[in-house]
PDB file of all heavy atoms in Angstrom:
ATOM      1  N   HIS A   1      39.596  -0.976 -29.926  1.00  0.00           N
ATOM      2  CA  HIS A   1      40.364   0.090 -30.575  1.00  0.00           C
ATOM      3  C   HIS A   1      39.556   1.384 -30.539  1.00  0.00           C
ATOM      4  O   HIS A   1      38.324   1.370 -30.647  1.00  0.00           O
ATOM      5  CB  HIS A   1      40.693  -0.277 -32.014  1.00  0.00           C
ATOM      6  CG  HIS A   1      41.877  -1.180 -32.135  1.00  0.00           C
ATOM      7  ND1 HIS A   1      41.892  -2.449 -31.604  1.00  0.00           N
ATOM      8  CD2 HIS A   1      43.093  -0.999 -32.725  1.00  0.00           C
ATOM      9  CE1 HIS A   1      43.062  -3.010 -31.865  1.00  0.00           C
ATOM     10  NE2 HIS A   1      43.803  -2.152 -32.536  1.00  0.00           N
ATOM     11  N   SER A   2      40.245   2.503 -30.373  1.00  0.00           N
ATOM     12  CA  SER A   2      39.540   3.776 -30.243  1.00  0.00           C
ATOM     13  C   SER A   2      40.461   4.913 -30.643  1.00  0.00           C
ATOM     14  O   SER A   2      41.532   4.695 -31.226  1.00  0.00           O
ATOM     15  CB  SER A   2      39.059   3.949 -28.799  1.00  0.00           C
ATOM     16  OG  SER A   2      38.235   5.097 -28.674  1.00  0.00           O
ATOM     17  N   MET A   3      40.058   6.114 -30.321  1.00  0.00           N
ATOM     18  CA  MET A   3      40.862   7.317 -30.540  1.00  0.00           C
ATOM     19  C   MET A   3      40.730   8.218 -29.328  1.00  0.00           C
ATOM     20  O   MET A   3      39.668   8.258 -28.686  1.00  0.00           O
ATOM     21  CB  MET A   3      40.401   8.095 -31.782  1.00  0.00           C
ATOM     22  CG  MET A   3      40.680   7.425 -33.091  1.00  0.00           C
ATOM     23  SD  MET A   3      40.245   8.496 -34.486  1.00  0.00           S
ATOM     24  CE  MET A   3      40.700   7.426 -35.848  1.00  0.00           C
ATOM     25  N   ASN A   4      41.787   8.925 -29.006  1.00  0.00           N
ATOM     26  CA  ASN A   4      41.695  10.023 -28.055  1.00  0.00           C
ATOM     27  C   ASN A   4      41.340  11.273 -28.857  1.00  0.00           C
ATOM     28  O   ASN A   4      41.966  11.559 -29.881  1.00  0.00           O
ATOM     29  CB  ASN A   4      42.999  10.213 -27.299  1.00  0.00           C
ATOM     30  CG  ASN A   4      43.204   9.144 -26.251  1.00  0.00           C
ATOM     31  OD1 ASN A   4      42.252   8.508 -25.810  1.00  0.00           O
ATOM     32  ND2 ASN A   4      44.452   8.919 -25.846  1.00  0.00           N
ATOM     33  N   TYR A   5      40.355  11.985 -28.403  1.00  0.00           N
ATOM     34  CA  TYR A   5      39.831  13.091 -29.200  1.00  0.00           C
ATOM     35  C   TYR A   5      39.233  14.157 -28.299  1.00  0.00           C
ATOM     36  O   TYR A   5      38.953  13.942 -27.117  1.00  0.00           O
ATOM     37  CB  TYR A   5      38.759  12.584 -30.173  1.00  0.00           C
ATOM     38  CG  TYR A   5      37.547  12.006 -29.470  1.00  0.00           C
ATOM     39  CD1 TYR A   5      36.476  12.810 -29.077  1.00  0.00           C
ATOM     40  CD2 TYR A   5      37.489  10.653 -29.162  1.00  0.00           C
ATOM     41  CE1 TYR A   5      35.383  12.294 -28.410  1.00  0.00           C
ATOM     42  CE2 TYR A   5      36.393  10.116 -28.496  1.00  0.00           C
ATOM     43  CZ  TYR A   5      35.348  10.945 -28.118  1.00  0.00           C
ATOM     44  OH  TYR A   5      34.278  10.415 -27.452  1.00  0.00           O
ATOM     45  N   ARG A   6      39.022  15.331 -28.892  1.00  0.00           N
ATOM     46  CA  ARG A   6      38.259  16.418 -28.280  1.00  0.00           C
ATOM     47  C   ARG A   6      37.307  16.930 -29.342  1.00  0.00           C
ATOM     48  O   ARG A   6      37.735  17.226 -30.461  1.00  0.00           O
ATOM     49  CB  ARG A   6      39.188  17.555 -27.827  1.00  0.00           C
ATOM     50  CG  ARG A   6      40.112  17.194 -26.661  1.00  0.00           C
ATOM     51  CD  ARG A   6      41.249  18.192 -26.522  1.00  0.00           C
ATOM     52  NE  ARG A   6      42.157  18.100 -27.654  1.00  0.00           N
ATOM     53  CZ  ARG A   6      42.717  19.154 -28.256  1.00  0.00           C
ATOM     54  NH1 ARG A   6      42.429  20.388 -27.845  1.00  0.00           N
ATOM     55  NH2 ARG A   6      43.543  18.968 -29.265  1.00  0.00           N
ATOM     56  N   SER A   7      36.032  17.020 -29.005  1.00  0.00           N
ATOM     57  CA  SER A   7      35.054  17.443 -29.999  1.00  0.00           C
ATOM     58  C   SER A   7      34.040  18.382 -29.373  1.00  0.00           C
ATOM     59  O   SER A   7      33.835  18.388 -28.162  1.00  0.00           O
ATOM     60  CB  SER A   7      34.337  16.233 -30.614  1.00  0.00           C
ATOM     61  OG  SER A   7      33.578  15.555 -29.624  1.00  0.00           O
ATOM     62  N   VAL A   8      33.410  19.171 -30.235  1.00  0.00           N
ATOM     63  CA  VAL A   8      32.328  20.069 -29.831  1.00  0.00           C
ATOM     64  C   VAL A   8      31.194  19.915 -30.832  1.00  0.00           C
ATOM     65  O   VAL A   8      31.434  19.843 -32.044  1.00  0.00           O
ATOM     66  CB  VAL A   8      32.794  21.538 -29.776  1.00  0.00           C
ATOM     67  CG1 VAL A   8      31.596  22.490 -29.718  1.00  0.00           C
ATOM     68  CG2 VAL A   8      33.698  21.773 -28.575  1.00  0.00           C
ATOM     69  N   VAL A   9      29.976  19.871 -30.317  1.00  0.00           N
ATOM     70  CA  VAL A   9      28.775  19.848 -31.160  1.00  0.00           C
ATOM     71  C   VAL A   9      27.903  21.033 -30.763  1.00  0.00           C
ATOM     72  O   VAL A   9      27.649  21.246 -29.570  1.00  0.00           O
ATOM     73  CB  VAL A   9      27.999  18.534 -30.993  1.00  0.00           C
ATOM     74  CG1 VAL A   9      26.708  18.579 -31.809  1.00  0.00           C
ATOM     75  CG2 VAL A   9      28.851  17.341 -31.412  1.00  0.00           C
ATOM     76  N   VAL A  10      27.478  21.793 -31.755  1.00  0.00           N
ATOM     77  CA  VAL A  10      26.624  22.964 -31.517  1.00  0.00           C
ATOM     78  C   VAL A  10      25.334  22.789 -32.308  1.00  0.00           C
ATOM     79  O   VAL A  10      25.372  22.576 -33.523  1.00  0.00           O
ATOM     80  CB  VAL A  10      27.314  24.273 -31.956  1.00  0.00           C
ATOM     81  CG1 VAL A  10      26.432  25.475 -31.607  1.00  0.00           C
ATOM     82  CG2 VAL A  10      28.693  24.406 -31.325  1.00  0.00           C
ATOM     83  N   HIS A  11      24.201  22.881 -31.632  1.00  0.00           N
ATOM     84  CA  HIS A  11      22.898  22.883 -32.287  1.00  0.00           C
ATOM     85  C   HIS A  11      22.328  24.296 -32.230  1.00  0.00           C
ATOM     86  O   HIS A  11      22.536  25.020 -31.249  1.00  0.00           O
ATOM     87  CB  HIS A  11      21.921  21.951 -31.569  1.00  0.00           C
ATOM     88  CG  HIS A  11      22.322  20.510 -31.589  1.00  0.00           C
ATOM     89  ND1 HIS A  11      22.032  19.674 -32.643  1.00  0.00           N
ATOM     90  CD2 HIS A  11      23.002  19.756 -30.682  1.00  0.00           C
ATOM     91  CE1 HIS A  11      22.499  18.468 -32.384  1.00  0.00           C
ATOM     92  NE2 HIS A  11      23.090  18.493 -31.197  1.00  0.00           N
ATOM     93  N   GLY A  12      21.614  24.683 -33.267  1.00  0.00           N
ATOM     94  CA  GLY A  12      21.001  25.996 -33.217  1.00  0.00           C
ATOM     95  C   GLY A  12      20.455  26.443 -34.553  1.00  0.00           C
ATOM     96  O   GLY A  12      20.347  25.665 -35.501  1.00  0.00           O
ATOM     97  N   THR A  13      20.133  27.727 -34.618  1.00  0.00           N
ATOM     98  CA  THR A  13      19.583  28.333 -35.820  1.00  0.00           C
ATOM     99  C   THR A  13      20.554  29.373 -36.353  1.00  0.00           C
ATOM    100  O   THR A  13      20.936  30.290 -35.635  1.00  0.00           O
ATOM    101  CB  THR A  13      18.228  29.002 -35.520  1.00  0.00           C
ATOM    102  OG1 THR A  13      17.317  28.024 -35.018  1.00  0.00           O
ATOM    103  CG2 THR A  13      17.645  29.633 -36.774  1.00  0.00           C
ATOM    104  N   ALA A  14      20.972  29.190 -37.586  1.00  0.00           N
ATOM    105  CA  ALA A  14      21.889  30.130 -38.229  1.00  0.00           C
ATOM    106  C   ALA A  14      21.103  31.205 -38.962  1.00  0.00           C
ATOM    107  O   ALA A  14      20.089  30.914 -39.605  1.00  0.00           O
ATOM    108  CB  ALA A  14      22.796  29.397 -39.209  1.00  0.00           C
ATOM    109  N   ARG A  15      21.586  32.448 -38.842  1.00  0.00           N
ATOM    110  CA  ARG A  15      20.921  33.575 -39.511  1.00  0.00           C
ATOM    111  C   ARG A  15      21.956  34.455 -40.187  1.00  0.00           C
ATOM    112  O   ARG A  15      23.099  34.551 -39.742  1.00  0.00           O
ATOM    113  CB  ARG A  15      20.100  34.381 -38.499  1.00  0.00           C
ATOM    114  CG  ARG A  15      18.892  33.628 -37.947  1.00  0.00           C
ATOM    115  CD  ARG A  15      18.048  34.505 -37.036  1.00  0.00           C
ATOM    116  NE  ARG A  15      16.821  33.844 -36.625  1.00  0.00           N
ATOM    117  CZ  ARG A  15      16.715  33.045 -35.569  1.00  0.00           C
ATOM    118  NH1 ARG A  15      17.783  32.827 -34.819  1.00  0.00           N
ATOM    119  NH2 ARG A  15      15.571  32.484 -35.261  1.00  0.00           N
ATOM    120  N   THR A  16      21.525  35.114 -41.227  1.00  0.00           N
ATOM    121  CA  THR A  16      22.406  35.999 -41.972  1.00  0.00           C
ATOM    122  C   THR A  16      22.768  37.231 -41.151  1.00  0.00           C
ATOM    123  O   THR A  16      21.921  37.816 -40.475  1.00  0.00           O
ATOM    124  CB  THR A  16      21.727  36.446 -43.280  1.00  0.00           C
ATOM    125  OG1 THR A  16      21.487  35.299 -44.086  1.00  0.00           O
ATOM    126  CG2 THR A  16      22.598  37.431 -44.043  1.00  0.00           C
ATOM    127  N   VAL A  17      24.037  37.615 -41.232  1.00  0.00           N
ATOM    128  CA  VAL A  17      24.513  38.840 -40.583  1.00  0.00           C
ATOM    129  C   VAL A  17      24.457  39.964 -41.605  1.00  0.00           C
ATOM    130  O   VAL A  17      25.061  39.869 -42.677  1.00  0.00           O
ATOM    131  CB  VAL A  17      25.953  38.663 -40.069  1.00  0.00           C
ATOM    132  CG1 VAL A  17      26.476  39.970 -39.483  1.00  0.00           C
ATOM    133  CG2 VAL A  17      26.024  37.549 -39.035  1.00  0.00           C
ATOM    134  N   THR A  18      23.730  41.021 -41.289  1.00  0.00           N
ATOM    135  CA  THR A  18      23.610  42.154 -42.205  1.00  0.00           C
ATOM    136  C   THR A  18      24.266  43.416 -41.682  1.00  0.00           C
ATOM    137  O   THR A  18      24.571  44.315 -42.463  1.00  0.00           O
ATOM    138  CB  THR A  18      22.124  42.448 -42.498  1.00  0.00           C
ATOM    139  OG1 THR A  18      21.449  42.731 -41.265  1.00  0.00           O
ATOM    140  CG2 THR A  18      21.458  41.255 -43.177  1.00  0.00           C
ATOM    141  N   ASP A  19      24.488  43.514 -40.375  1.00  0.00           N
ATOM    142  CA  ASP A  19      25.105  44.703 -39.799  1.00  0.00           C
ATOM    143  C   ASP A  19      26.538  44.823 -40.299  1.00  0.00           C
ATOM    144  O   ASP A  19      27.344  43.895 -40.140  1.00  0.00           O
ATOM    145  CB  ASP A  19      25.094  44.613 -38.275  1.00  0.00           C
ATOM    146  CG  ASP A  19      25.762  45.808 -37.632  1.00  0.00           C
ATOM    147  OD1 ASP A  19      25.108  46.855 -37.546  1.00  0.00           O
ATOM    148  OD2 ASP A  19      26.938  45.678 -37.237  1.00  0.00           O
ATOM    149  N   PRO A  20      26.929  45.954 -40.923  1.00  0.00           N
ATOM    150  CA  PRO A  20      28.267  46.090 -41.502  1.00  0.00           C
ATOM    151  C   PRO A  20      29.392  45.889 -40.492  1.00  0.00           C
ATOM    152  O   PRO A  20      30.406  45.239 -40.803  1.00  0.00           O
ATOM    153  CB  PRO A  20      28.269  47.522 -42.066  1.00  0.00           C
ATOM    154  CG  PRO A  20      26.829  47.832 -42.317  1.00  0.00           C
ATOM    155  CD  PRO A  20      26.085  47.140 -41.213  1.00  0.00           C
ATOM    156  N   GLN A  21      29.241  46.433 -39.296  1.00  0.00           N
ATOM    157  CA  GLN A  21      30.296  46.289 -38.299  1.00  0.00           C
ATOM    158  C   GLN A  21      30.459  44.832 -37.874  1.00  0.00           C
ATOM    159  O   GLN A  21      31.581  44.323 -37.759  1.00  0.00           O
ATOM    160  CB  GLN A  21      29.996  47.150 -37.071  1.00  0.00           C
ATOM    161  CG  GLN A  21      31.086  47.057 -36.003  1.00  0.00           C
ATOM    162  CD  GLN A  21      30.751  47.867 -34.771  1.00  0.00           C
ATOM    163  OE1 GLN A  21      29.727  48.540 -34.706  1.00  0.00           O
ATOM    164  NE2 GLN A  21      31.619  47.799 -33.767  1.00  0.00           N
ATOM    165  N   GLU A  22      29.344  44.142 -37.663  1.00  0.00           N
ATOM    166  CA  GLU A  22      29.422  42.742 -37.276  1.00  0.00           C
ATOM    167  C   GLU A  22      30.013  41.892 -38.393  1.00  0.00           C
ATOM    168  O   GLU A  22      30.781  40.948 -38.140  1.00  0.00           O
ATOM    169  CB  GLU A  22      28.044  42.208 -36.889  1.00  0.00           C
ATOM    170  CG  GLU A  22      28.103  40.787 -36.345  1.00  0.00           C
ATOM    171  CD  GLU A  22      26.751  40.255 -35.897  1.00  0.00           C
ATOM    172  OE1 GLU A  22      25.745  40.974 -36.053  1.00  0.00           O
ATOM    173  OE2 GLU A  22      26.718  39.117 -35.399  1.00  0.00           O
ATOM    174  N   ARG A  23      29.698  42.222 -39.627  1.00  0.00           N
ATOM    175  CA  ARG A  23      30.275  41.481 -40.759  1.00  0.00           C
ATOM    176  C   ARG A  23      31.784  41.631 -40.788  1.00  0.00           C
ATOM    177  O   ARG A  23      32.521  40.667 -41.019  1.00  0.00           O
ATOM    178  CB  ARG A  23      29.665  41.975 -42.077  1.00  0.00           C
ATOM    179  CG  ARG A  23      28.305  41.381 -42.390  1.00  0.00           C
ATOM    180  CD  ARG A  23      27.631  42.093 -43.554  1.00  0.00           C
ATOM    181  NE  ARG A  23      28.442  42.125 -44.755  1.00  0.00           N
ATOM    182  CZ  ARG A  23      28.509  41.140 -45.651  1.00  0.00           C
ATOM    183  NH1 ARG A  23      27.823  40.029 -45.449  1.00  0.00           N
ATOM    184  NH2 ARG A  23      29.249  41.254 -46.727  1.00  0.00           N
ATOM    185  N   ARG A  24      32.278  42.855 -40.540  1.00  0.00           N
ATOM    186  CA  ARG A  24      33.727  43.061 -40.531  1.00  0.00           C
ATOM    187  C   ARG A  24      34.390  42.277 -39.401  1.00  0.00           C
ATOM    188  O   ARG A  24      35.436  41.662 -39.587  1.00  0.00           O
ATOM    189  CB  ARG A  24      34.041  44.555 -40.400  1.00  0.00           C
ATOM    190  CG  ARG A  24      33.749  45.366 -41.656  1.00  0.00           C
ATOM    191  CD  ARG A  24      34.357  46.755 -41.554  1.00  0.00           C
ATOM    192  NE  ARG A  24      33.707  47.547 -40.500  1.00  0.00           N
ATOM    193  CZ  ARG A  24      32.650  48.310 -40.696  1.00  0.00           C
ATOM    194  NH1 ARG A  24      32.097  48.388 -41.905  1.00  0.00           N
ATOM    195  NH2 ARG A  24      32.118  49.006 -39.712  1.00  0.00           N
ATOM    196  N   ILE A  25      33.770  42.321 -38.216  1.00  0.00           N
ATOM    197  CA  ILE A  25      34.302  41.565 -37.080  1.00  0.00           C
ATOM    198  C   ILE A  25      34.330  40.070 -37.412  1.00  0.00           C
ATOM    199  O   ILE A  25      35.314  39.362 -37.137  1.00  0.00           O
ATOM    200  CB  ILE A  25      33.449  41.825 -35.829  1.00  0.00           C
ATOM    201  CG1 ILE A  25      33.631  43.259 -35.346  1.00  0.00           C
ATOM    202  CG2 ILE A  25      33.815  40.847 -34.707  1.00  0.00           C
ATOM    203  CD1 ILE A  25      32.676  43.669 -34.240  1.00  0.00           C
ATOM    204  N   ALA A  26      33.257  39.587 -38.022  1.00  0.00           N
ATOM    205  CA  ALA A  26      33.150  38.168 -38.340  1.00  0.00           C
ATOM    206  C   ALA A  26      34.203  37.732 -39.354  1.00  0.00           C
ATOM    207  O   ALA A  26      34.859  36.694 -39.185  1.00  0.00           O
ATOM    208  CB  ALA A  26      31.754  37.862 -38.875  1.00  0.00           C
ATOM    209  N   LEU A  27      34.389  38.509 -40.404  1.00  0.00           N
ATOM    210  CA  LEU A  27      35.350  38.132 -41.441  1.00  0.00           C
ATOM    211  C   LEU A  27      36.778  38.177 -40.910  1.00  0.00           C
ATOM    212  O   LEU A  27      37.605  37.321 -41.255  1.00  0.00           O
ATOM    213  CB  LEU A  27      35.181  39.046 -42.656  1.00  0.00           C
ATOM    214  CG  LEU A  27      33.861  38.865 -43.415  1.00  0.00           C
ATOM    215  CD1 LEU A  27      33.690  39.938 -44.487  1.00  0.00           C
ATOM    216  CD2 LEU A  27      33.790  37.473 -44.040  1.00  0.00           C
ATOM    217  N   ASP A  28      37.084  39.157 -40.070  1.00  0.00           N
ATOM    218  CA  ASP A  28      38.410  39.191 -39.437  1.00  0.00           C
ATOM    219  C   ASP A  28      38.609  37.962 -38.556  1.00  0.00           C
ATOM    220  O   ASP A  28      39.698  37.366 -38.532  1.00  0.00           O
ATOM    221  CB  ASP A  28      38.576  40.459 -38.595  1.00  0.00           C
ATOM    222  CG  ASP A  28      38.827  41.700 -39.426  1.00  0.00           C
ATOM    223  OD1 ASP A  28      39.082  41.561 -40.638  1.00  0.00           O
ATOM    224  OD2 ASP A  28      38.764  42.812 -38.863  1.00  0.00           O
ATOM    225  N   ALA A  29      37.562  37.571 -37.828  1.00  0.00           N
ATOM    226  CA  ALA A  29      37.672  36.404 -36.946  1.00  0.00           C
ATOM    227  C   ALA A  29      37.921  35.128 -37.737  1.00  0.00           C
ATOM    228  O   ALA A  29      38.681  34.255 -37.304  1.00  0.00           O
ATOM    229  CB  ALA A  29      36.402  36.266 -36.110  1.00  0.00           C
ATOM    230  N   ILE A  30      37.291  34.998 -38.906  1.00  0.00           N
ATOM    231  CA  ILE A  30      37.480  33.806 -39.733  1.00  0.00           C
ATOM    232  C   ILE A  30      38.918  33.741 -40.238  1.00  0.00           C
ATOM    233  O   ILE A  30      39.549  32.670 -40.240  1.00  0.00           O
ATOM    234  CB  ILE A  30      36.478  33.799 -40.897  1.00  0.00           C
ATOM    235  CG1 ILE A  30      35.052  33.610 -40.358  1.00  0.00           C
ATOM    236  CG2 ILE A  30      36.810  32.704 -41.904  1.00  0.00           C
ATOM    237  CD1 ILE A  30      33.962  33.839 -41.377  1.00  0.00           C
ATOM    238  N   VAL A  31      39.478  34.879 -40.656  1.00  0.00           N
ATOM    239  CA  VAL A  31      40.868  34.913 -41.111  1.00  0.00           C
ATOM    240  C   VAL A  31      41.815  34.596 -39.956  1.00  0.00           C
ATOM    241  O   VAL A  31      42.758  33.807 -40.091  1.00  0.00           O
ATOM    242  CB  VAL A  31      41.204  36.286 -41.726  1.00  0.00           C
ATOM    243  CG1 VAL A  31      42.693  36.394 -42.037  1.00  0.00           C
ATOM    244  CG2 VAL A  31      40.389  36.508 -42.996  1.00  0.00           C
ATOM    245  N   ASP A  32      41.555  35.184 -38.798  1.00  0.00           N
ATOM    246  CA  ASP A  32      42.428  34.969 -37.648  1.00  0.00           C
ATOM    247  C   ASP A  32      42.293  33.569 -37.069  1.00  0.00           C
ATOM    248  O   ASP A  32      43.184  33.110 -36.342  1.00  0.00           O
ATOM    249  CB  ASP A  32      42.142  36.007 -36.557  1.00  0.00           C
ATOM    250  CG  ASP A  32      42.672  37.382 -36.920  1.00  0.00           C
ATOM    251  OD1 ASP A  32      43.615  37.455 -37.732  1.00  0.00           O
ATOM    252  OD2 ASP A  32      42.146  38.385 -36.390  1.00  0.00           O
ATOM    253  N   GLN A  33      41.192  32.884 -37.359  1.00  0.00           N
ATOM    254  CA  GLN A  33      41.043  31.498 -36.915  1.00  0.00           C
ATOM    255  C   GLN A  33      42.093  30.622 -37.589  1.00  0.00           C
ATOM    256  O   GLN A  33      42.586  29.655 -37.001  1.00  0.00           O
ATOM    257  CB  GLN A  33      39.640  30.988 -37.256  1.00  0.00           C
ATOM    258  CG  GLN A  33      39.320  29.606 -36.705  1.00  0.00           C
ATOM    259  CD  GLN A  33      38.843  29.633 -35.265  1.00  0.00           C
ATOM    260  OE1 GLN A  33      38.514  30.686 -34.745  1.00  0.00           O
ATOM    261  NE2 GLN A  33      38.804  28.485 -34.627  1.00  0.00           N
ATOM    262  N   VAL A  34      42.455  30.959 -38.821  1.00  0.00           N
ATOM    263  CA  VAL A  34      43.459  30.198 -39.557  1.00  0.00           C
ATOM    264  C   VAL A  34      44.846  30.498 -39.000  1.00  0.00           C
ATOM    265  O   VAL A  34      45.603  29.586 -38.660  1.00  0.00           O
ATOM    266  CB  VAL A  34      43.384  30.515 -41.067  1.00  0.00           C
ATOM    267  CG1 VAL A  34      44.457  29.751 -41.825  1.00  0.00           C
ATOM    268  CG2 VAL A  34      42.003  30.179 -41.608  1.00  0.00           C
ATOM    269  N   VAL A  35      45.186  31.762 -38.903  1.00  0.00           N
ATOM    270  CA  VAL A  35      46.458  32.191 -38.305  1.00  0.00           C
ATOM    271  C   VAL A  35      46.181  33.458 -37.514  1.00  0.00           C
ATOM    272  O   VAL A  35      45.795  34.484 -38.093  1.00  0.00           O
ATOM    273  CB  VAL A  35      47.551  32.472 -39.366  1.00  0.00           C
ATOM    274  CG1 VAL A  35      48.830  32.957 -38.692  1.00  0.00           C
ATOM    275  CG2 VAL A  35      47.836  31.224 -40.190  1.00  0.00           C
ATOM    276  N   ALA A  36      46.385  33.406 -36.224  1.00  0.00           N
ATOM    277  CA  ALA A  36      46.124  34.559 -35.369  1.00  0.00           C
ATOM    278  C   ALA A  36      46.962  35.753 -35.812  1.00  0.00           C
ATOM    279  O   ALA A  36      48.174  35.633 -36.037  1.00  0.00           O
ATOM    280  CB  ALA A  36      46.430  34.217 -33.916  1.00  0.00           C
ATOM    281  N   GLY A  37      46.326  36.904 -35.972  1.00  0.00           N
ATOM    282  CA  GLY A  37      47.013  38.119 -36.377  1.00  0.00           C
ATOM    283  C   GLY A  37      47.006  38.377 -37.870  1.00  0.00           C
ATOM    284  O   GLY A  37      47.424  39.451 -38.316  1.00  0.00           O
ATOM    285  N   ARG A  38      46.527  37.420 -38.662  1.00  0.00           N
ATOM    286  CA  ARG A  38      46.602  37.554 -40.115  1.00  0.00           C
ATOM    287  C   ARG A  38      45.676  38.640 -40.655  1.00  0.00           C
ATOM    288  O   ARG A  38      45.990  39.273 -41.669  1.00  0.00           O
ATOM    289  CB  ARG A  38      46.252  36.212 -40.770  1.00  0.00           C
ATOM    290  CG  ARG A  38      46.386  36.212 -42.290  1.00  0.00           C
ATOM    291  CD  ARG A  38      47.814  36.457 -42.722  1.00  0.00           C
ATOM    292  NE  ARG A  38      47.932  36.513 -44.170  1.00  0.00           N
ATOM    293  CZ  ARG A  38      49.051  36.790 -44.817  1.00  0.00           C
ATOM    294  NH1 ARG A  38      50.156  37.031 -44.136  1.00  0.00           N
ATOM    295  NH2 ARG A  38      49.077  36.819 -46.120  1.00  0.00           N
ATOM    296  N   SER A  39      44.541  38.880 -40.004  1.00  0.00           N
ATOM    297  CA  SER A  39      43.586  39.853 -40.542  1.00  0.00           C
ATOM    298  C   SER A  39      44.184  41.252 -40.609  1.00  0.00           C
ATOM    299  O   SER A  39      43.815  42.050 -41.476  1.00  0.00           O
ATOM    300  CB  SER A  39      42.309  39.876 -39.705  1.00  0.00           C
ATOM    301  OG  SER A  39      42.556  40.354 -38.395  1.00  0.00           O
TER     302      SER A  39
END
């Protein structure tokens, strides 16, 4: 027994974003990830 699936694994180092423009881009991207165009 099994499952058909698609997965991604990312390894790395996470760092805080402090640049105001990048923060705005990032927050819009998170909102649009839920529903495209929502931001």
